PDB file of N, CA and C in Angstrom:
ATOM      1  N   UNK A   1       0.727  -1.042  -0.095  1.00  0.00           N
ATOM      2  CA  UNK A   1      -0.087   0.076   0.233  1.00  0.00           C
ATOM      3  C   UNK A   1       1.010   1.056   0.198  1.00  0.00           C
ATOM      4  N   UNK A   2       0.849   2.582  -0.843  1.00  0.00           N
ATOM      5  CA  UNK A   2       1.222   3.389  -0.744  1.00  0.00           C
ATOM      6  C   UNK A   2       0.912   4.339   0.538  1.00  0.00           C
ATOM      7  N   UNK A   3       2.124   5.183   0.812  1.00  0.00           N
ATOM      8  CA  UNK A   3       1.777   6.243   1.687  1.00  0.00           C
ATOM      9  C   UNK A   3       0.340   6.930   0.930  1.00  0.00           C
ATOM     10  N   UNK A   4       0.115   7.378   1.683  1.00  0.00           N
ATOM     11  CA  UNK A   4      -1.367   8.301   1.656  1.00  0.00           C
ATOM     12  C   UNK A   4      -1.363   9.917   2.697  1.00  0.00           C
ATOM     13  N   UNK A   5      -1.751  11.069   2.064  1.00  0.00           N
ATOM     14  CA  UNK A   5      -2.102  12.116   2.515  1.00  0.00           C
ATOM     15  C   UNK A   5      -3.494  11.977   2.953  1.00  0.00           C
ATOM     16  N   UNK A   6      -4.341  12.091   4.329  1.00  0.00           N
ATOM     17  CA  UNK A   6      -5.442  12.407   4.514  1.00  0.00           C
ATOM     18  C   UNK A   6      -5.805  13.369   4.934  1.00  0.00           C
ATOM     19  N   UNK A   7      -6.583  13.827   4.717  1.00  0.00           N
ATOM     20  CA  UNK A   7      -7.088  15.424   5.437  1.00  0.00           C
ATOM     21  C   UNK A   7      -8.840  15.084   5.477  1.00  0.00           C
ATOM     22  N   UNK A   8      -9.313  15.375   6.807  1.00  0.00           N
ATOM     23  CA  UNK A   8     -10.823  15.222   6.852  1.00  0.00           C
ATOM     24  C   UNK A   8     -11.444  16.303   7.348  1.00  0.00           C
ATOM     25  N   UNK A   9     -12.412  16.542   7.560  1.00  0.00           N
ATOM     26  CA  UNK A   9     -13.124  17.300   7.947  1.00  0.00           C
ATOM     27  C   UNK A   9     -14.284  17.062   8.743  1.00  0.00           C
ATOM     28  N   UNK A  10     -14.382  15.700   9.259  1.00  0.00           N
ATOM     29  CA  UNK A  10     -15.669  15.275   9.939  1.00  0.00           C
ATOM     30  C   UNK A  10     -15.729  15.701  11.346  1.00  0.00           C
ATOM     31  N   UNK A  11     -16.562  15.349  12.172  1.00  0.00           N
ATOM     32  CA  UNK A  11     -16.376  15.816  13.490  1.00  0.00           C
ATOM     33  C   UNK A  11     -16.086  14.780  14.213  1.00  0.00           C
ATOM     34  N   UNK A  12     -15.211  14.488  15.298  1.00  0.00           N
ATOM     35  CA  UNK A  12     -14.508  13.562  16.307  1.00  0.00           C
ATOM     36  C   UNK A  12     -15.923  12.960  16.951  1.00  0.00           C
ATOM     37  N   UNK A  13     -15.847  11.881  16.994  1.00  0.00           N
ATOM     38  CA  UNK A  13     -17.156  11.090  18.008  1.00  0.00           C
ATOM     39  C   UNK A  13     -16.495  11.477  19.423  1.00  0.00           C
ATOM     40  N   UNK A  14     -15.346  11.539  20.056  1.00  0.00           N
ATOM     41  CA  UNK A  14     -14.705  11.633  21.199  1.00  0.00           C
ATOM     42  C   UNK A  14     -14.576  13.261  21.132  1.00  0.00           C
ATOM     43  N   UNK A  15     -14.716  13.575  22.824  1.00  0.00           N
ATOM     44  CA  UNK A  15     -14.027  15.073  22.640  1.00  0.00           C
ATOM     45  C   UNK A  15     -12.954  15.093  23.776  1.00  0.00           C
ATOM     46  N   UNK A  16     -11.590  15.714  22.543  1.00  0.00           N
ATOM     47  CA  UNK A  16     -10.367  15.820  23.098  1.00  0.00           C
ATOM     48  C   UNK A  16     -10.304  16.813  24.211  1.00  0.00           C
ATOM     49  N   UNK A  17      -9.489  16.936  25.049  1.00  0.00           N
ATOM     50  CA  UNK A  17      -9.249  18.021  26.096  1.00  0.00           C
ATOM     51  C   UNK A  17      -9.290  18.908  25.420  1.00  0.00           C
ATOM     52  N   UNK A  18      -9.815  20.028  26.087  1.00  0.00           N
ATOM     53  CA  UNK A  18      -9.900  21.757  25.712  1.00  0.00           C
ATOM     54  C   UNK A  18      -8.797  22.531  26.305  1.00  0.00           C
ATOM     55  N   UNK A  19      -8.616  23.645  26.078  1.00  0.00           N
ATOM     56  CA  UNK A  19      -7.611  24.272  26.250  1.00  0.00           C
ATOM     57  C   UNK A  19      -7.798  24.872  28.149  1.00  0.00           C
ATOM     58  N   UNK A  20      -8.936  24.611  28.030  1.00  0.00           N
ATOM     59  CA  UNK A  20      -9.325  25.092  29.445  1.00  0.00           C
ATOM     60  C   UNK A  20      -8.932  23.634  30.295  1.00  0.00           C
ATOM     61  N   UNK A  21      -8.775  22.892  30.002  1.00  0.00           N
ATOM     62  CA  UNK A  21      -8.154  21.894  30.942  1.00  0.00           C
ATOM     63  C   UNK A  21      -6.432  21.637  30.999  1.00  0.00           C
ATOM     64  N   UNK A  22      -5.891  22.593  30.216  1.00  0.00           N
ATOM     65  CA  UNK A  22      -4.810  22.664  30.207  1.00  0.00           C
ATOM     66  C   UNK A  22      -3.798  24.147  30.545  1.00  0.00           C
ATOM     67  N   UNK A  23      -2.906  23.939  31.393  1.00  0.00           N
ATOM     68  CA  UNK A  23      -2.406  25.384  32.441  1.00  0.00           C
ATOM     69  C   UNK A  23      -1.994  25.997  31.041  1.00  0.00           C
ATOM     70  N   UNK A  24      -1.917  27.580  31.345  1.00  0.00           N
ATOM     71  CA  UNK A  24      -1.655  28.493  30.674  1.00  0.00           C
ATOM     72  C   UNK A  24      -0.056  28.660  29.826  1.00  0.00           C
ATOM     73  N   UNK A  25       0.813  27.770  30.605  1.00  0.00           N
ATOM     74  CA  UNK A  25       1.780  27.425  30.317  1.00  0.00           C
ATOM     75  C   UNK A  25       2.516  26.700  29.563  1.00  0.00           C
ATOM     76  N   UNK A  26       1.227  25.628  29.079  1.00  0.00           N
ATOM     77  CA  UNK A  26       1.675  24.634  28.634  1.00  0.00           C
ATOM     78  C   UNK A  26       1.708  24.845  27.156  1.00  0.00           C
ATOM     79  N   UNK A  27       3.090  24.469  26.542  1.00  0.00           N
ATOM     80  CA  UNK A  27       3.097  24.447  25.169  1.00  0.00           C
ATOM     81  C   UNK A  27       1.900  24.159  23.972  1.00  0.00           C
ATOM     82  N   UNK A  28       2.260  24.272  22.409  1.00  0.00           N
ATOM     83  CA  UNK A  28       1.427  23.801  21.827  1.00  0.00           C
ATOM     84  C   UNK A  28       1.354  22.450  21.225  1.00  0.00           C
ATOM     85  N   UNK A  29       2.666  22.198  21.553  1.00  0.00           N
ATOM     86  CA  UNK A  29       3.010  21.002  21.071  1.00  0.00           C
ATOM     87  C   UNK A  29       2.662  20.000  22.234  1.00  0.00           C
ATOM     88  N   UNK A  30       2.706  20.460  23.648  1.00  0.00           N
ATOM     89  CA  UNK A  30       2.372  19.377  24.936  1.00  0.00           C
ATOM     90  C   UNK A  30       0.881  19.215  24.729  1.00  0.00           C
ATOM     91  N   UNK A  31       0.003  20.611  24.094  1.00  0.00           N
ATOM     92  CA  UNK A  31      -1.411  20.344  23.999  1.00  0.00           C
ATOM     93  C   UNK A  31      -1.888  19.209  22.985  1.00  0.00           C
ATOM     94  N   UNK A  32      -0.810  19.576  21.988  1.00  0.00           N
ATOM     95  CA  UNK A  32      -1.142  18.263  20.963  1.00  0.00           C
ATOM     96  C   UNK A  32      -1.026  16.943  21.434  1.00  0.00           C
ATOM     97  N   UNK A  33       0.299  16.611  21.963  1.00  0.00           N
ATOM     98  CA  UNK A  33       0.388  15.538  22.702  1.00  0.00           C
ATOM     99  C   UNK A  33      -0.508  15.029  23.915  1.00  0.00           C
ATOM    100  N   UNK A  34      -1.179  15.995  24.361  1.00  0.00           N
ATOM    101  CA  UNK A  34      -1.958  15.590  25.517  1.00  0.00           C
ATOM    102  C   UNK A  34      -3.389  15.285  24.564  1.00  0.00           C
ATOM    103  N   UNK A  35      -3.557  15.845  23.550  1.00  0.00           N
ATOM    104  CA  UNK A  35      -4.973  15.572  22.897  1.00  0.00           C
ATOM    105  C   UNK A  35      -4.650  14.304  22.611  1.00  0.00           C
ATOM    106  N   UNK A  36      -3.715  14.006  21.338  1.00  0.00           N
ATOM    107  CA  UNK A  36      -2.855  12.630  20.655  1.00  0.00           C
ATOM    108  C   UNK A  36      -3.221  11.386  22.303  1.00  0.00           C
ATOM    109  N   UNK A  37      -2.963  11.796  23.313  1.00  0.00           N
ATOM    110  CA  UNK A  37      -2.795  10.829  24.341  1.00  0.00           C
ATOM    111  C   UNK A  37      -4.243  10.463  24.810  1.00  0.00           C
ATOM    112  N   UNK A  38      -5.554  11.180  24.720  1.00  0.00           N
ATOM    113  CA  UNK A  38      -6.741  10.635  24.571  1.00  0.00           C
ATOM    114  C   UNK A  38      -7.350   9.803  23.134  1.00  0.00           C
ATOM    115  N   UNK A  39      -6.478   9.384  22.578  1.00  0.00           N
ATOM    116  CA  UNK A  39      -6.964   8.490  21.125  1.00  0.00           C
ATOM    117  C   UNK A  39      -6.421   7.037  21.863  1.00  0.00           C
ATOM    118  N   UNK A  40      -7.119   5.981  21.484  1.00  0.00           N
ATOM    119  CA  UNK A  40      -6.488   4.761  22.204  1.00  0.00           C
ATOM    120  C   UNK A  40      -7.032   3.813  20.886  1.00  0.00           C
ATOM    121  N   UNK A  41      -5.909   3.282  20.736  1.00  0.00           N
ATOM    122  CA  UNK A  41      -5.742   2.176  20.063  1.00  0.00           C
ATOM    123  C   UNK A  41      -7.404   1.129  20.291  1.00  0.00           C
ATOM    124  N   UNK A  42      -8.050   0.867  19.446  1.00  0.00           N
ATOM    125  CA  UNK A  42      -9.304   0.019  19.321  1.00  0.00           C
ATOM    126  C   UNK A  42      -9.263  -1.615  20.128  1.00  0.00           C
ATOM    127  N   UNK A  43      -7.658  -1.667  19.571  1.00  0.00           N
ATOM    128  CA  UNK A  43      -7.749  -3.202  20.121  1.00  0.00           C
ATOM    129  C   UNK A  43      -6.524  -3.637  21.042  1.00  0.00           C
ATOM    130  N   UNK A  44      -5.968  -2.376  21.588  1.00  0.00           N
ATOM    131  CA  UNK A  44      -4.708  -2.450  22.757  1.00  0.00           C
ATOM    132  C   UNK A  44      -5.043  -1.320  23.989  1.00  0.00           C
ATOM    133  N   UNK A  45      -5.128  -1.740  24.999  1.00  0.00           N
ATOM    134  CA  UNK A  45      -5.292  -0.725  26.118  1.00  0.00           C
ATOM    135  C   UNK A  45      -4.498   0.821  26.455  1.00  0.00           C
ATOM    136  N   UNK A  46      -3.900   1.074  25.333  1.00  0.00           N
ATOM    137  CA  UNK A  46      -2.626   2.372  25.163  1.00  0.00           C
ATOM    138  C   UNK A  46      -2.905   3.160  24.253  1.00  0.00           C
ATOM    139  N   UNK A  47      -2.755   4.321  24.217  1.00  0.00           N
ATOM    140  CA  UNK A  47      -3.209   5.695  23.623  1.00  0.00           C
ATOM    141  C   UNK A  47      -2.027   5.590  22.446  1.00  0.00           C
ATOM    142  N   UNK A  48      -2.666   6.146  21.411  1.00  0.00           N
ATOM    143  CA  UNK A  48      -1.307   5.930  19.980  1.00  0.00           C
ATOM    144  C   UNK A  48      -0.338   6.880  20.055  1.00  0.00           C
ATOM    145  N   UNK A  49       0.060   8.024  21.192  1.00  0.00           N
ATOM    146  CA  UNK A  49       1.318   8.758  21.021  1.00  0.00           C
ATOM    147  C   UNK A  49       1.877   7.413  21.675  1.00  0.00           C
ATOM    148  N   UNK A  50       1.840   6.869  23.011  1.00  0.00           N
ATOM    149  CA  UNK A  50       2.427   6.249  23.715  1.00  0.00           C
ATOM    150  C   UNK A  50       2.736   4.700  22.991  1.00  0.00           C
ATOM    151  N   UNK A  51       2.026   4.417  21.958  1.00  0.00           N
ATOM    152  CA  UNK A  51       2.261   3.109  21.382  1.00  0.00           C
ATOM    153  C   UNK A  51       2.832   3.614  20.161  1.00  0.00           C
ATOM    154  N   UNK A  52       3.416   4.470  19.791  1.00  0.00           N
ATOM    155  CA  UNK A  52       4.335   4.584  18.997  1.00  0.00           C
ATOM    156  C   UNK A  52       4.011   4.751  17.497  1.00  0.00           C
ATOM    157  N   UNK A  53       2.606   5.562  17.665  1.00  0.00           N
ATOM    158  CA  UNK A  53       2.382   5.621  15.946  1.00  0.00           C
ATOM    159  C   UNK A  53       2.227   6.751  15.300  1.00  0.00           C
ATOM    160  N   UNK A  54       2.264   7.781  16.465  1.00  0.00           N
ATOM    161  CA  UNK A  54       2.817   9.074  15.886  1.00  0.00           C
ATOM    162  C   UNK A  54       4.327   9.452  15.547  1.00  0.00           C
ATOM    163  N   UNK A  55       5.161   9.278  13.900  1.00  0.00           N
ATOM    164  CA  UNK A  55       6.152   9.717  13.872  1.00  0.00           C
ATOM    165  C   UNK A  55       6.732  11.003  13.920  1.00  0.00           C
ATOM    166  N   UNK A  56       6.043  12.077  13.634  1.00  0.00           N
ATOM    167  CA  UNK A  56       6.503  13.358  13.580  1.00  0.00           C
ATOM    168  C   UNK A  56       5.501  14.168  13.530  1.00  0.00           C
ATOM    169  N   UNK A  57       5.611  15.558  14.267  1.00  0.00           N
ATOM    170  CA  UNK A  57       4.438  16.451  14.942  1.00  0.00           C
ATOM    171  C   UNK A  57       5.146  18.003  14.202  1.00  0.00           C
ATOM    172  N   UNK A  58       4.789  18.382  13.330  1.00  0.00           N
ATOM    173  CA  UNK A  58       5.751  19.827  12.971  1.00  0.00           C
ATOM    174  C   UNK A  58       4.481  20.863  12.757  1.00  0.00           C
ATOM    175  N   UNK A  59       4.852  21.363  13.680  1.00  0.00           N
ATOM    176  CA  UNK A  59       3.832  22.925  13.799  1.00  0.00           C
ATOM    177  C   UNK A  59       4.588  24.365  13.355  1.00  0.00           C
ATOM    178  N   UNK A  60       4.134  24.763  12.616  1.00  0.00           N
ATOM    179  CA  UNK A  60       4.223  26.048  12.052  1.00  0.00           C
ATOM    180  C   UNK A  60       3.256  27.223  11.947  1.00  0.00           C
ATOM    181  N   UNK A  61       3.626  28.138  13.271  1.00  0.00           N
ATOM    182  CA  UNK A  61       2.405  29.111  13.552  1.00  0.00           C
ATOM    183  C   UNK A  61       1.328  28.256  13.811  1.00  0.00           C
ATOM    184  N   UNK A  62       0.351  28.233  12.841  1.00  0.00           N
ATOM    185  CA  UNK A  62      -1.100  27.938  13.282  1.00  0.00           C
ATOM    186  C   UNK A  62      -1.442  26.194  12.645  1.00  0.00           C
ATOM    187  N   UNK A  63      -0.160  25.797  11.817  1.00  0.00           N
ATOM    188  CA  UNK A  63      -0.803  24.960  11.186  1.00  0.00           C
ATOM    189  C   UNK A  63       0.033  23.680  11.394  1.00  0.00           C
ATOM    190  N   UNK A  64      -0.436  22.581  11.517  1.00  0.00           N
ATOM    191  CA  UNK A  64       0.329  21.074  12.366  1.00  0.00           C
ATOM    192  C   UNK A  64       0.151  20.110  11.205  1.00  0.00           C
ATOM    193  N   UNK A  65       1.501  19.790  10.789  1.00  0.00           N
ATOM    194  CA  UNK A  65       1.314  18.738  10.025  1.00  0.00           C
ATOM    195  C   UNK A  65       1.830  17.408  11.067  1.00  0.00           C
ATOM    196  N   UNK A  66       1.128  15.969  10.888  1.00  0.00           N
ATOM    197  CA  UNK A  66       1.639  14.985  11.057  1.00  0.00           C
ATOM    198  C   UNK A  66       1.654  13.896  10.641  1.00  0.00           C
ATOM    199  N   UNK A  67       2.931  13.341  10.781  1.00  0.00           N
ATOM    200  CA  UNK A  67       2.906  11.775  10.248  1.00  0.00           C
ATOM    201  C   UNK A  67       2.981  10.479  11.233  1.00  0.00           C
ATOM    202  N   UNK A  68       1.803   9.463  10.721  1.00  0.00           N
ATOM    203  CA  UNK A  68       1.429   8.646  11.319  1.00  0.00           C
ATOM    204  C   UNK A  68       1.878   7.572  10.823  1.00  0.00           C
ATOM    205  N   UNK A  69       1.443   6.429  11.454  1.00  0.00           N
ATOM    206  CA  UNK A  69       1.026   5.038  11.398  1.00  0.00           C
ATOM    207  C   UNK A  69      -0.060   4.320  12.051  1.00  0.00           C
ATOM    208  N   UNK A  70      -0.018   3.082  11.617  1.00  0.00           N
ATOM    209  CA  UNK A  70      -0.880   2.000  12.046  1.00  0.00           C
ATOM    210  C   UNK A  70      -0.387   0.816  12.503  1.00  0.00           C
ATOM    211  N   UNK A  71      -0.694   0.031  13.067  1.00  0.00           N
ATOM    212  CA  UNK A  71      -0.008  -1.317  13.779  1.00  0.00           C
ATOM    213  C   UNK A  71       0.388  -2.113  12.552  1.00  0.00           C
ATOM    214  N   UNK A  72      -0.938  -2.262  11.371  1.00  0.00           N
ATOM    215  CA  UNK A  72      -0.633  -2.896  10.362  1.00  0.00           C
ATOM    216  C   UNK A  72      -1.609  -2.084   9.097  1.00  0.00           C
ATOM    217  N   UNK A  73      -1.229  -2.084   7.768  1.00  0.00           N
ATOM    218  CA  UNK A  73      -2.173  -1.702   6.583  1.00  0.00           C
ATOM    219  C   UNK A  73      -3.388  -2.237   6.680  1.00  0.00           C
ATOM    220  N   UNK A  74      -3.595  -3.330   7.427  1.00  0.00           N
ATOM    221  CA  UNK A  74      -5.035  -4.104   7.228  1.00  0.00           C
ATOM    222  C   UNK A  74      -5.773  -3.832   8.492  1.00  0.00           C
ATOM    223  N   UNK A  75      -5.179  -2.682   9.793  1.00  0.00           N
ATOM    224  CA  UNK A  75      -5.961  -1.975  10.837  1.00  0.00           C
ATOM    225  C   UNK A  75      -7.895  -1.637  10.589  1.00  0.00           C
ATOM    226  N   UNK A  76      -8.417  -2.273  11.610  1.00  0.00           N
ATOM    227  CA  UNK A  76      -9.726  -1.786  10.879  1.00  0.00           C
ATOM    228  C   UNK A  76     -10.267  -0.340  11.043  1.00  0.00           C
ATOM    229  N   UNK A  77      -9.354   0.406  12.095  1.00  0.00           N
ATOM    230  CA  UNK A  77      -9.513   1.956  11.753  1.00  0.00           C
ATOM    231  C   UNK A  77      -8.744   2.459  11.077  1.00  0.00           C
ATOM    232  N   UNK A  78      -8.111   1.752   9.908  1.00  0.00           N
ATOM    233  CA  UNK A  78      -7.398   2.667   8.818  1.00  0.00           C
ATOM    234  C   UNK A  78      -8.099   3.870   8.339  1.00  0.00           C
ATOM    235  N   UNK A  79      -9.682   3.828   7.746  1.00  0.00           N
ATOM    236  CA  UNK A  79      -9.977   5.094   7.367  1.00  0.00           C
ATOM    237  C   UNK A  79     -10.559   5.745   8.353  1.00  0.00           C
ATOM    238  N   UNK A  80     -10.631   5.585   9.612  1.00  0.00           N
ATOM    239  CA  UNK A  80     -11.046   6.690  10.950  1.00  0.00           C
ATOM    240  C   UNK A  80     -10.386   7.079  11.521  1.00  0.00           C
ATOM    241  N   UNK A  81      -9.222   6.798  11.924  1.00  0.00           N
ATOM    242  CA  UNK A  81      -8.171   6.842  12.879  1.00  0.00           C
ATOM    243  C   UNK A  81      -7.366   8.380  12.207  1.00  0.00           C
ATOM    244  N   UNK A  82      -6.869   8.350  11.225  1.00  0.00           N
ATOM    245  CA  UNK A  82      -6.451   9.895  10.509  1.00  0.00           C
ATOM    246  C   UNK A  82      -7.475  11.068  10.834  1.00  0.00           C
ATOM    247  N   UNK A  83      -8.500  10.556  10.487  1.00  0.00           N
ATOM    248  CA  UNK A  83      -9.627  11.746  10.750  1.00  0.00           C
ATOM    249  C   UNK A  83      -9.804  11.708  12.332  1.00  0.00           C
ATOM    250  N   UNK A  84      -9.624  10.918  13.511  1.00  0.00           N
ATOM    251  CA  UNK A  84      -9.618  11.287  14.798  1.00  0.00           C
ATOM    252  C   UNK A  84      -8.538  11.883  15.267  1.00  0.00           C
ATOM    253  N   UNK A  85      -7.534  11.512  14.536  1.00  0.00           N
ATOM    254  CA  UNK A  85      -6.194  12.758  15.542  1.00  0.00           C
ATOM    255  C   UNK A  85      -6.498  14.061  14.661  1.00  0.00           C
ATOM    256  N   UNK A  86      -6.803  14.105  13.639  1.00  0.00           N
ATOM    257  CA  UNK A  86      -7.092  15.642  13.091  1.00  0.00           C
ATOM    258  C   UNK A  86      -7.926  16.085  13.525  1.00  0.00           C
ATOM    259  N   UNK A  87      -9.339  15.826  14.095  1.00  0.00           N
ATOM    260  CA  UNK A  87     -10.271  16.235  14.589  1.00  0.00           C
ATOM    261  C   UNK A  87      -9.360  16.787  16.391  1.00  0.00           C
ATOM    262  N   UNK A  88      -8.945  15.694  16.821  1.00  0.00           N
ATOM    263  CA  UNK A  88      -8.595  16.209  18.271  1.00  0.00           C
ATOM    264  C   UNK A  88      -7.525  17.079  18.249  1.00  0.00           C
ATOM    265  N   UNK A  89      -7.115  17.475  17.215  1.00  0.00           N
ATOM    266  CA  UNK A  89      -5.710  18.364  17.546  1.00  0.00           C
ATOM    267  C   UNK A  89      -6.270  19.801  16.806  1.00  0.00           C
ATOM    268  N   UNK A  90      -7.219  19.745  15.973  1.00  0.00           N
ATOM    269  CA  UNK A  90      -8.062  21.020  15.152  1.00  0.00           C
ATOM    270  C   UNK A  90      -9.148  21.302  16.084  1.00  0.00           C
ATOM    271  N   UNK A  91      -9.401  20.648  17.602  1.00  0.00           N
ATOM    272  CA  UNK A  91     -10.067  21.059  18.333  1.00  0.00           C
ATOM    273  C   UNK A  91      -9.417  22.238  19.089  1.00  0.00           C
ATOM    274  N   UNK A  92      -8.305  22.394  19.543  1.00  0.00           N
ATOM    275  CA  UNK A  92      -7.328  23.409  20.004  1.00  0.00           C
ATOM    276  C   UNK A  92      -7.604  24.747  19.085  1.00  0.00           C
ATOM    277  N   UNK A  93      -7.423  25.820  20.382  1.00  0.00           N
ATOM    278  CA  UNK A  93      -8.119  26.847  20.052  1.00  0.00           C
ATOM    279  C   UNK A  93      -6.336  27.086  19.063  1.00  0.00           C
ATOM    280  N   UNK A  94      -5.692  27.202  19.303  1.00  0.00           N
ATOM    281  CA  UNK A  94      -4.293  27.521  18.895  1.00  0.00           C
ATOM    282  C   UNK A  94      -3.940  27.083  17.835  1.00  0.00           C
ATOM    283  N   UNK A  95      -5.018  25.994  16.974  1.00  0.00           N
ATOM    284  CA  UNK A  95      -4.702  25.692  15.689  1.00  0.00           C
ATOM    285  C   UNK A  95      -5.382  25.962  15.104  1.00  0.00           C
ATOM    286  N   UNK A  96      -5.149  26.125  13.315  1.00  0.00           N
ATOM    287  CA  UNK A  96      -6.510  26.554  12.619  1.00  0.00           C
ATOM    288  C   UNK A  96      -6.189  25.387  11.298  1.00  0.00           C
ATOM    289  N   UNK A  97      -5.327  24.548  10.896  1.00  0.00           N
ATOM    290  CA  UNK A  97      -4.851  23.300   9.687  1.00  0.00           C
ATOM    291  C   UNK A  97      -4.592  22.340  10.193  1.00  0.00           C
ATOM    292  N   UNK A  98      -4.671  21.231   9.788  1.00  0.00           N
ATOM    293  CA  UNK A  98      -3.952  19.954  10.629  1.00  0.00           C
ATOM    294  C   UNK A  98      -3.873  18.944   9.097  1.00  0.00           C
ATOM    295  N   UNK A  99      -2.804  18.728   9.112  1.00  0.00           N
ATOM    296  CA  UNK A  99      -2.771  17.529   7.429  1.00  0.00           C
ATOM    297  C   UNK A  99      -2.300  16.159   8.614  1.00  0.00           C
ATOM    298  N   UNK A 100      -2.432  15.510   8.349  1.00  0.00           N
ATOM    299  CA  UNK A 100      -2.537  14.112   8.866  1.00  0.00           C
ATOM    300  C   UNK A 100      -1.620  13.163   7.577  1.00  0.00           C
ATOM    301  N   UNK A 101      -0.658  12.582   7.554  1.00  0.00           N
ATOM    302  CA  UNK A 101      -0.024  11.735   6.391  1.00  0.00           C
ATOM    303  C   UNK A 101      -0.098  10.613   7.065  1.00  0.00           C
ATOM    304  N   UNK A 102      -0.604   9.406   6.435  1.00  0.00           N
ATOM    305  CA  UNK A 102      -0.779   8.215   6.625  1.00  0.00           C
ATOM    306  C   UNK A 102       0.713   7.318   6.087  1.00  0.00           C
ATOM    307  N   UNK A 103       1.691   6.700   6.777  1.00  0.00           N
ATOM    308  CA  UNK A 103       2.659   6.163   6.563  1.00  0.00           C
ATOM    309  C   UNK A 103       2.546   4.656   6.488  1.00  0.00           C
ATOM    310  N   UNK A 104       3.218   3.967   5.633  1.00  0.00           N
ATOM    311  CA  UNK A 104       3.711   2.826   6.522  1.00  0.00           C
ATOM    312  C   UNK A 104       4.867   2.472   6.561  1.00  0.00           C
ATOM    313  N   UNK A 105       6.125   3.225   6.287  1.00  0.00           N
ATOM    314  CA  UNK A 105       7.447   3.124   5.914  1.00  0.00           C
ATOM    315  C   UNK A 105       7.924   4.509   7.283  1.00  0.00           C
ATOM    316  N   UNK A 106       8.260   3.843   7.766  1.00  0.00           N
ATOM    317  CA  UNK A 106       8.899   2.284   8.226  1.00  0.00           C
ATOM    318  C   UNK A 106       7.646   1.944   9.057  1.00  0.00           C
ATOM    319  N   UNK A 107       7.397   0.538   8.891  1.00  0.00           N
ATOM    320  CA  UNK A 107       6.209  -0.279   9.050  1.00  0.00           C
ATOM    321  C   UNK A 107       6.238  -0.021  10.723  1.00  0.00           C
ATOM    322  N   UNK A 108       5.435  -0.249  11.509  1.00  0.00           N
ATOM    323  CA  UNK A 108       5.481  -0.246  13.170  1.00  0.00           C
ATOM    324  C   UNK A 108       5.542  -1.336  13.573  1.00  0.00           C
ATOM    325  N   UNK A 109       6.616  -1.583  14.839  1.00  0.00           N
ATOM    326  CA  UNK A 109       6.725  -2.693  14.843  1.00  0.00           C
ATOM    327  C   UNK A 109       6.894  -2.555  16.710  1.00  0.00           C
ATOM    328  N   UNK A 110       6.775  -3.585  17.467  1.00  0.00           N
ATOM    329  CA  UNK A 110       6.722  -3.404  19.164  1.00  0.00           C
ATOM    330  C   UNK A 110       8.034  -2.583  19.578  1.00  0.00           C
ATOM    331  N   UNK A 111       9.191  -2.515  18.946  1.00  0.00           N
ATOM    332  CA  UNK A 111       9.920  -1.870  19.088  1.00  0.00           C
ATOM    333  C   UNK A 111      10.169  -0.589  19.864  1.00  0.00           C
ATOM    334  N   UNK A 112       8.991  -0.013  19.011  1.00  0.00           N
ATOM    335  CA  UNK A 112       8.749   1.436  19.083  1.00  0.00           C
ATOM    336  C   UNK A 112       8.043   1.957  20.359  1.00  0.00           C
ATOM    337  N   UNK A 113       7.527   0.920  21.281  1.00  0.00           N
ATOM    338  CA  UNK A 113       6.705   0.626  22.635  1.00  0.00           C
ATOM    339  C   UNK A 113       7.731   1.316  23.781  1.00  0.00           C
ATOM    340  N   UNK A 114       7.224   1.853  24.610  1.00  0.00           N
ATOM    341  CA  UNK A 114       8.322   2.672  25.767  1.00  0.00           C
ATOM    342  C   UNK A 114       8.211   1.232  26.166  1.00  0.00           C
ATOM    343  N   UNK A 115       9.389   1.138  27.410  1.00  0.00           N
ATOM    344  CA  UNK A 115       9.072   0.315  28.374  1.00  0.00           C
ATOM    345  C   UNK A 115       7.986  -0.160  29.323  1.00  0.00           C
ATOM    346  N   UNK A 116       7.431   1.012  29.437  1.00  0.00           N
ATOM    347  CA  UNK A 116       6.311   1.348  30.715  1.00  0.00           C
ATOM    348  C   UNK A 116       4.802   0.444  29.856  1.00  0.00           C
ATOM    349  N   UNK A 117       4.555   0.612  28.553  1.00  0.00           N
ATOM    350  CA  UNK A 117       3.752   0.445  28.044  1.00  0.00           C
ATOM    351  C   UNK A 117       3.958  -1.455  27.920  1.00  0.00           C
ATOM    352  N   UNK A 118       5.079  -2.186  27.438  1.00  0.00           N
ATOM    353  CA  UNK A 118       5.438  -3.451  27.094  1.00  0.00           C
ATOM    354  C   UNK A 118       4.775  -3.752  28.356  1.00  0.00           C
ATOM    355  N   UNK A 119       5.159  -3.506  29.458  1.00  0.00           N
ATOM    356  CA  UNK A 119       5.279  -3.846  30.856  1.00  0.00           C
ATOM    357  C   UNK A 119       3.631  -4.127  30.768  1.00  0.00           C
ATOM    358  N   UNK A 120       2.664  -3.063  30.415  1.00  0.00           N
ATOM    359  CA  UNK A 120       1.356  -2.960  30.547  1.00  0.00           C
ATOM    360  C   UNK A 120       1.101  -4.191  29.906  1.00  0.00           C
ATOM    361  N   UNK A 121       0.927  -4.341  28.648  1.00  0.00           N
ATOM    362  CA  UNK A 121       0.972  -5.162  27.864  1.00  0.00           C
ATOM    363  C   UNK A 121       1.318  -6.780  27.867  1.00  0.00           C
ATOM    364  N   UNK A 122       2.436  -6.627  28.919  1.00  0.00           N
ATOM    365  CA  UNK A 122       2.682  -8.142  29.272  1.00  0.00           C
ATOM    366  C   UNK A 122       4.126  -8.438  28.330  1.00  0.00           C
ATOM    367  N   UNK A 123       4.656  -7.631  27.367  1.00  0.00           N
ATOM    368  CA  UNK A 123       5.579  -8.017  26.979  1.00  0.00           C
ATOM    369  C   UNK A 123       7.272  -8.106  27.182  1.00  0.00           C
ATOM    370  N   UNK A 124       7.355  -7.534  28.904  1.00  0.00           N
ATOM    371  CA  UNK A 124       8.467  -7.799  29.591  1.00  0.00           C
ATOM    372  C   UNK A 124       8.263  -8.316  30.270  1.00  0.00           C
TER     373      UNK A 124
END
């Protein structure tokens, strides 16, 4: 499967954290990471950020580009997860535009998990 740039304008079913739930000194990057930590893989009890699915977050003023992957090209949320990511980030007042690029290179593997997540999943 080729890499794809996915841009959605749908409303997300889950409500990410709003700015009122974050301190005034929180950076935009920290706000984005907090929002991503509210999105969970449907098959694992781990959020997508700590699962290692987010490869890059590029912030330019009020625009954000995210490069992410999924655990497998056959993942059942391949069609909806990028939209969830975009909606969660777009919900932040500091952000105007979000572009989510879904890539399979490099492929995700369990080495991208932190030791804490590996312990949670019983992999250590």
